[in-house]
C-alpha atoms as a PDB file:
ATOM      1  CA  MET A   1     112.287 191.700 113.417  1.00  0.00           C
ATOM      2  CA  THR A   2     114.018 194.738 111.987  1.00  0.00           C
ATOM      3  CA  LYS A   3     117.613 195.187 113.043  1.00  0.00           C
ATOM      4  CA  VAL A   4     118.518 198.618 114.386  1.00  0.00           C
ATOM      5  CA  TYR A   5     121.808 200.421 113.989  1.00  0.00           C
ATOM      6  CA  ARG A   6     122.837 202.981 116.576  1.00  0.00           C
ATOM      7  CA  VAL A   7     125.121 205.379 114.726  1.00  0.00           C
ATOM      8  CA  ASP A   8     126.852 208.055 116.784  1.00  0.00           C
ATOM      9  CA  LYS A   9     129.061 210.627 115.037  1.00  0.00           C
ATOM     10  CA  PHE A  10     131.422 212.925 116.895  1.00  0.00           C
ATOM     11  CA  VAL A  11     133.694 215.902 116.415  1.00  0.00           C
ATOM     12  CA  VAL A  12     136.493 215.173 118.901  1.00  0.00           C
ATOM     13  CA  PRO A  13     139.246 217.744 119.498  1.00  0.00           C
ATOM     14  CA  ASP A  14     142.748 216.252 119.351  1.00  0.00           C
ATOM     15  CA  HIS A  15     143.575 217.114 122.971  1.00  0.00           C
ATOM     16  CA  VAL A  16     140.815 214.807 124.314  1.00  0.00           C
ATOM     17  CA  ARG A  17     141.054 212.050 121.705  1.00  0.00           C
ATOM     18  CA  ASP A  18     142.609 209.423 124.006  1.00  0.00           C
ATOM     19  CA  GLU A  19     140.209 210.137 126.873  1.00  0.00           C
ATOM     20  CA  PHE A  20     137.258 210.044 124.462  1.00  0.00           C
ATOM     21  CA  TRP A  21     138.210 206.596 123.130  1.00  0.00           C
ATOM     22  CA  THR A  22     138.820 205.289 126.659  1.00  0.00           C
ATOM     23  CA  GLU A  23     135.263 206.237 127.633  1.00  0.00           C
ATOM     24  CA  VAL A  24     133.823 204.867 124.383  1.00  0.00           C
ATOM     25  CA  ARG A  25     135.559 201.517 124.976  1.00  0.00           C
ATOM     26  CA  ARG A  26     134.157 201.358 128.521  1.00  0.00           C
ATOM     27  CA  THR A  27     130.677 202.096 127.237  1.00  0.00           C
ATOM     28  CA  HIS A  28     130.924 199.494 124.481  1.00  0.00           C
ATOM     29  CA  ALA A  29     132.139 196.886 126.968  1.00  0.00           C
ATOM     30  CA  VAL A  30     128.771 197.328 128.703  1.00  0.00           C
ATOM     31  CA  LEU A  31     126.834 197.277 125.427  1.00  0.00           C
ATOM     32  CA  ARG A  32     128.512 194.091 124.197  1.00  0.00           C
ATOM     33  CA  VAL A  33     126.986 192.010 127.002  1.00  0.00           C
ATOM     34  CA  GLN A  34     123.427 193.318 126.588  1.00  0.00           C
ATOM     35  CA  HIS A  35     120.556 191.260 125.215  1.00  0.00           C
ATOM     36  CA  GLY A  36     120.131 191.832 121.486  1.00  0.00           C
ATOM     37  CA  PHE A  37     123.652 193.135 120.848  1.00  0.00           C
ATOM     38  CA  LEU A  38     124.920 191.797 117.519  1.00  0.00           C
ATOM     39  CA  ASP A  39     128.147 193.683 116.776  1.00  0.00           C
ATOM     40  CA  ASP A  40     129.781 197.067 116.803  1.00  0.00           C
ATOM     41  CA  ALA A  41     132.453 199.193 115.162  1.00  0.00           C
ATOM     42  CA  LEU A  42     134.545 202.058 116.509  1.00  0.00           C
ATOM     43  CA  LEU A  43     135.756 204.185 113.613  1.00  0.00           C
ATOM     44  CA  GLU A  44     138.130 207.113 113.295  1.00  0.00           C
ATOM     45  CA  LYS A  45     138.421 209.205 110.143  1.00  0.00           C
ATOM     46  CA  ARG A  46     141.757 209.040 108.355  1.00  0.00           C
ATOM     47  CA  SER A  47     140.877 211.062 105.246  1.00  0.00           C
ATOM     48  CA  GLY A  48     138.061 212.813 103.448  1.00  0.00           C
ATOM     49  CA  ALA A  49     135.892 215.845 103.897  1.00  0.00           C
ATOM     50  CA  GLY A  50     133.349 216.346 106.631  1.00  0.00           C
ATOM     51  CA  ARG A  51     133.504 217.521 110.192  1.00  0.00           C
ATOM     52  CA  PHE A  52     132.884 214.273 112.093  1.00  0.00           C
ATOM     53  CA  ASN A  53     136.128 212.477 112.947  1.00  0.00           C
ATOM     54  CA  ALA A  54     134.824 209.602 115.088  1.00  0.00           C
ATOM     55  CA  VAL A  55     131.896 207.251 114.520  1.00  0.00           C
ATOM     56  CA  THR A  56     130.542 204.381 116.572  1.00  0.00           C
ATOM     57  CA  ILE A  57     128.032 201.868 115.253  1.00  0.00           C
ATOM     58  CA  VAL A  58     126.177 199.232 117.237  1.00  0.00           C
ATOM     59  CA  ARG A  59     123.864 196.739 115.547  1.00  0.00           C
ATOM     60  CA  TRP A  60     120.942 195.465 117.637  1.00  0.00           C
ATOM     61  CA  SER A  61     118.572 192.608 116.902  1.00  0.00           C
ATOM     62  CA  SER A  62     115.554 194.886 117.462  1.00  0.00           C
ATOM     63  CA  GLU A  63     114.501 198.281 118.742  1.00  0.00           C
ATOM     64  CA  ALA A  64     112.989 196.563 121.788  1.00  0.00           C
ATOM     65  CA  ASP A  65     116.553 195.901 123.041  1.00  0.00           C
ATOM     66  CA  LEU A  66     117.480 199.581 123.257  1.00  0.00           C
ATOM     67  CA  PRO A  67     115.809 200.708 126.528  1.00  0.00           C
ATOM     68  CA  ALA A  68     117.528 198.047 128.640  1.00  0.00           C
ATOM     69  CA  ALA A  69     120.881 198.752 126.980  1.00  0.00           C
ATOM     70  CA  ARG A  70     120.476 202.479 127.596  1.00  0.00           C
ATOM     71  CA  ALA A  71     119.676 201.822 131.258  1.00  0.00           C
ATOM     72  CA  ALA A  72     122.712 199.546 131.622  1.00  0.00           C
ATOM     73  CA  VAL A  73     124.995 202.229 130.211  1.00  0.00           C
ATOM     74  CA  GLU A  74     123.466 204.903 132.456  1.00  0.00           C
ATOM     75  CA  ASN A  75     123.989 202.654 135.503  1.00  0.00           C
ATOM     76  CA  ALA A  76     127.595 201.928 134.532  1.00  0.00           C
ATOM     77  CA  HIS A  77     128.336 205.612 133.980  1.00  0.00           C
ATOM     78  CA  ARG A  78     126.750 206.512 137.319  1.00  0.00           C
ATOM     79  CA  ALA A  79     128.769 203.810 139.115  1.00  0.00           C
ATOM     80  CA  ALA A  80     131.979 205.135 137.535  1.00  0.00           C
ATOM     81  CA  GLY A  81     131.101 208.754 138.321  1.00  0.00           C
ATOM     82  CA  PHE A  82     131.167 209.574 134.605  1.00  0.00           C
ATOM     83  CA  GLU A  83     128.777 212.167 133.188  1.00  0.00           C
ATOM     84  CA  ALA A  84     128.933 211.989 129.402  1.00  0.00           C
ATOM     85  CA  ALA A  85     127.125 215.290 128.778  1.00  0.00           C
ATOM     86  CA  ALA A  86     129.419 217.172 131.153  1.00  0.00           C
ATOM     87  CA  PHE A  87     132.531 215.538 129.643  1.00  0.00           C
ATOM     88  CA  PHE A  88     131.412 216.419 126.106  1.00  0.00           C
ATOM     89  CA  ALA A  89     130.653 220.032 127.057  1.00  0.00           C
ATOM     90  CA  GLN A  90     133.930 220.500 128.938  1.00  0.00           C
ATOM     91  CA  ALA A  91     135.989 218.829 126.193  1.00  0.00           C
ATOM     92  CA  GLY A  92     134.254 220.575 123.286  1.00  0.00           C
ATOM     93  CA  ILE A  93     132.991 217.337 121.757  1.00  0.00           C
ATOM     94  CA  GLU A  94     130.046 217.645 119.377  1.00  0.00           C
ATOM     95  CA  ALA A  95     127.765 214.646 118.853  1.00  0.00           C
ATOM     96  CA  ASP A  96     125.094 213.540 116.377  1.00  0.00           C
ATOM     97  CA  LEU A  97     123.352 210.480 117.870  1.00  0.00           C
ATOM     98  CA  ALA A  98     120.622 208.500 116.101  1.00  0.00           C
ATOM     99  CA  ASN A  99     119.071 205.097 115.420  1.00  0.00           C
ATOM    100  CA  TYR A 100     118.859 203.802 111.846  1.00  0.00           C
ATOM    101  CA  THR A 101     117.293 200.860 110.023  1.00  0.00           C
ATOM    102  CA  THR A 102     118.130 199.426 106.623  1.00  0.00           C
ATOM    103  CA  VAL A 103     116.366 200.616 103.498  1.00  0.00           C
ATOM    104  CA  ALA A 104     114.575 197.901 101.540  1.00  0.00           C
ATOM    105  CA  GLY A 105     115.398 197.126  97.957  1.00  0.00           C
END
């Protein structure tokens, strides 16, 4: 099976940085116990050009694992009363969210 990488890139204003990372850690705590989860990385830019200053990467054993993981995160957010889209809009966070696979050869 082809491994899938979920790569999410963010522009996070300084004034919401701590709250952003708190929510990301909560979300990744849910992801880490899902079927097919392999590993993850939470990254913050320290230097270099480009507008994205935060990146999260989750590696999954297959694309078939993604729907259940997405549902688990949605349920956890709902239970916590957290609405990611509303938080991002209110905080001025921009996101580029996508799934990737490796390139052969």
